[in-house]
Amino acid sequence: MKLAIAERIRNALAAWPAEHHGYRTEEVRRMLALADDVVSELQTTKGGEQFSLALVAIPESPPSVPPAAGPELAGVDRTGVAPGRARPIGR
């Protein structure tokens, strides 16, 4: 039972990066390594002669990009209208 739970956790961790667009990939990669160790240990204590090899490709995290500079706000009042540009509607 413990082995089945550990395998489900490991499979969920392996699927996480692809399902969440690489979010927190580094943390998931470290947890996946721990889950692999737990599954191996549980298989060993179970006394099984089976050997499993799981090849998992986890995408790299995208590089962080600083936000672009916003437009210049010189000459714009709090309403967002530049002075001299407001005209009455219907005239």
Foldseek 3Di string as FASTA:
>chain_A
DVLVVLVVVLVCLLCPCVVPVNPPVVVSVVVNVVSVVVNVVVCVVVVDPDDDDDDGDHDDDDDDDDDDDDDDCPQADPVRDHPPPDDDPPD
